[in-house]
């Protein structure tokens, strides 16, 4: 089944909430670090996404995917 962007965003929000309940109110188009995500949880999120979608996120792209919207678009583009 092909994932659509809404499914990907939903999975990201659920994953963030599992990492820490304080992440449950994040906005999709705002930088995650500006919303108090720490770097360790960002890396945990990356690992969860790589496992779920079975692809590798290049570390050079981390600075480009700092919001839920940008991560979702990146995943859809690369899977």
Protein backbone atom coordinates (compact mmCIF):
# COMPACT_ATOMS: atom_id res chain seq x y z
CA UNK A 1 0.00 0.00 0.00
CA UNK A 2 1.36 3.38 -0.96
CA UNK A 3 1.50 5.89 1.85
CA UNK A 4 -0.02 9.28 1.39
CA UNK A 5 1.22 12.41 3.06
CA UNK A 6 -1.60 12.43 5.64
CA UNK A 7 -0.73 8.92 6.80
CA UNK A 8 2.92 9.87 7.10
CA UNK A 9 2.11 13.01 9.11
CA UNK A 10 -0.16 11.03 11.38
CA UNK A 11 2.56 8.47 11.99
CA UNK A 12 5.08 11.22 12.77
CA UNK A 13 2.75 12.85 15.28
CA UNK A 14 2.05 9.50 16.95
CA UNK A 15 5.76 8.75 17.09
CA UNK A 16 6.52 12.13 18.63
CA UNK A 17 3.86 11.61 21.25
CA UNK A 18 5.34 8.20 22.11
CA UNK A 19 8.75 9.78 22.56
CA UNK A 20 7.42 12.36 24.99
CA UNK A 21 3.90 13.48 25.84
CA UNK A 22 5.00 17.13 25.73
CA UNK A 23 5.37 16.72 21.96
CA UNK A 24 1.66 16.04 21.48
CA UNK A 25 0.82 19.67 20.71
CA UNK A 26 3.40 20.27 18.03
CA UNK A 27 2.41 22.18 14.93
CA UNK A 28 3.10 20.61 11.56
CA UNK A 29 4.75 23.55 9.84
CA UNK A 30 6.91 24.88 12.68
CA UNK A 31 10.51 23.84 13.27
CA UNK A 32 10.53 20.93 15.71
CA UNK A 33 13.49 22.31 17.63
CA UNK A 34 11.68 25.61 18.12
CA UNK A 35 8.88 23.55 19.66
CA UNK A 36 11.26 22.03 22.23
CA UNK A 37 12.26 18.81 20.49
CA UNK A 38 15.73 17.86 21.63
CA UNK A 39 18.41 16.37 19.39
CA UNK A 40 18.29 12.92 20.97
CA UNK A 41 14.55 12.63 20.35
CA UNK A 42 15.05 13.90 16.82
CA UNK A 43 17.47 11.04 16.19
CA UNK A 44 15.04 8.57 17.76
CA UNK A 45 12.34 9.88 15.44
CA UNK A 46 14.65 9.47 12.44
CA UNK A 47 15.36 5.84 13.40
CA UNK A 48 11.65 5.10 13.84
CA UNK A 49 10.87 6.60 10.43
CA UNK A 50 13.69 4.72 8.73
CA UNK A 51 12.45 1.46 10.18
CA UNK A 52 8.80 2.12 9.34
CA UNK A 53 9.38 3.26 5.77
CA UNK A 54 12.40 1.04 5.08
CA UNK A 55 14.78 3.66 3.76
CA UNK A 56 17.78 5.62 5.00
CA UNK A 57 17.58 9.34 5.69
CA UNK A 58 20.85 10.96 4.75
CA UNK A 59 22.34 12.87 7.67
CA UNK A 60 23.13 15.74 5.30
CA UNK A 61 19.38 16.24 4.95
CA UNK A 62 18.65 16.58 8.67
CA UNK A 63 18.88 20.35 8.54
CA UNK A 64 16.29 20.41 5.74
CA UNK A 65 13.67 18.29 7.52
CA UNK A 66 13.01 20.13 10.74
CA UNK A 67 9.20 20.24 10.67
CA UNK A 68 6.53 17.56 10.36
CA UNK A 69 5.54 18.94 6.95
CA UNK A 70 9.09 18.83 5.63
CA UNK A 71 9.74 15.35 7.02
CA UNK A 72 6.51 14.07 5.46
CA UNK A 73 7.34 15.49 2.06
CA UNK A 74 10.87 14.10 2.28
CA UNK A 75 9.56 10.62 3.06
CA UNK A 76 6.96 10.63 0.27
CA UNK A 77 9.61 11.81 -2.19
CA UNK A 78 12.13 9.15 -1.17
CA UNK A 79 10.11 5.97 -0.66
